[in-house]
Amino acid sequence: MLKTISKKEIEKRLFFDNPWWKNNGYIDKCYQDFPKRAYFSSFYKLVQQDINRAIVLMGPRRVGKTVMAFQAIDALLTEGISPYNVLYISLETPLYTGMALEKIVNMFQDIHQHSRQEKLFIIFDEIQYLPKWEIHLKSLVDSYSTYQFIATGSAAAALKLKSKESGAGRFTDFLLPPLTFSEYLAFIKKEDTLITTDGEIFSVIDIEALNAEFINYLNYGGYPEAVLSITAQKDSARYIKSDIIDKVLLRDLPSIYGIADVQELNALFTTIAYNTGNEISLESLSQSSGVSKSTIKKYLTYLEAAFLIKTVHRVDINAKTFKRATRFKVYLTNPSMRAALFGTIEEGDEAMGSLVETAIFSQWLHIDNRLHYARWSDGEVDIVNTLNNECVEIKWSDLVVKDARKLKSFIQYIKQNKILNNTVTTKTISQERIINDTLIEFLPSALYAYKLGKNILKH
């Protein structure tokens, strides 16, 4: 007869995973020493709120969700929460496979003699590994109104879709995106030496040095671990491809959606990654990847829900969306993924334009703004934000400042829609100019990316 895992073994593992129960109330030093993401304070405010909802911390692989969970535990312990009132478990641990969440909570209650009325903090890491997790989690939230439940997960397709379906009124989603450019500079401790701040006005101290770091950011800067590890930087292609892309494409998505042909999914993602920021159609994707249009539609949904890509739809000259959208743009959520697949990028490379556009687009990821691009018979605008009455033209060149003809479509769109906020990015130039009775703000792409990340976090 086969042996089953004993209660004693599970308890032993719980003590191992929660060292603060024995370690004078401290988390492991590696988590204490790791720099905090700029999103930490917003996330921690949710943890502190006394409302009967679970927090679902979502995001791509390797952006620091587990670290943020441990840093939240550290903050709770520092504030005086009893170490015995905090439980952390990773559902990726084989020992917990097949266990109901409530059974784990009950064991936690038994170990420390907790009542149903106490204020407890319970963190389920990598929750997507539990089938029907959303039903289990909702049941716990309903049953234990004083317990604060926090779940993290990276195969966000299951998370995003199911948290909306089954957790109505019971879950608060919090998206942790890849590192913004402003966070990247803070992590490498170069923010103050490259940028000056006066209120909400940002200026460059050394544009050449800022651009050099921006190119590093394009190559490996979206992932905290790669930024802080020289080893990961030297072999960023292997680190990002094997540990981030492959695990999502070959493991997470196939296991969640029952995808049989992983090579088909891989071929589609490779095609999209190479064409990040370009306008494409289902027909062109089908021809270049060899995957049928109906399957592509399905896969695009999966890839977007797993935070690998972002689909952006077109508006016309009047900022109106199309009823039947046949063409669209797809961006990688992190430009470093393209470098991992096709080699690192240098400042003069042909792909710089689309990668700069991808990087700027990725700064917007945390907020669900109405971002589109505009295209009509004889014109195009790279980014249109219909919510903020804003448009952006992205260039990795200074020629656009000297040649007003290159902005004909941009100015036409501004006048047609009475746009109040407009920016044209450059390689090195910062200035304001009036062209055809229109005030245009020119900013270096690297500075604009920095400004976006900073302002989105503020607001």
Foldseek 3Di string as FASTA:
>chain_A
DDDADDPVNVVVVQCVQQVCVPVVNADDVVLVPQDDALCLVVVLVVLPDQFLAEEEEEEAPQQQPVSSVRVSSRVCVVVPDRSLQETEDEPVPPSCPPPQPVVVVVSSCVVVVDDLQDQHEYEYEQQVSHPPSLQSQLVVSVRRSRYHYYYYHQLQLCVVVVCVVRVVVHYDYAYRYFHFLLRLCVLVVCNVVFWDDDPLDIDGPDLVVLVVVVLLQLAAVRHSVCSPDPVCSVLVLCCCVVVGVCCNLVPVLCVVPVDDDSLLLVLLLLVLLVQALHKDFLVRSCVRSVDHSVVVVVSVSSCVSSQQKDKAFEAELLRHGDPDTGMTGMHGLGSNNSCSVPNRDDLVDPCVQSSLLNSLVNLCPRDPFNWHKYDDDPATFRIAGPVQLETEHEDAAPVCVVDVVVCPRVVSSCVSHVRDYYEYEYNRDFDWDQDPNRIYTYYHSSVSSSSSNVVVSVD
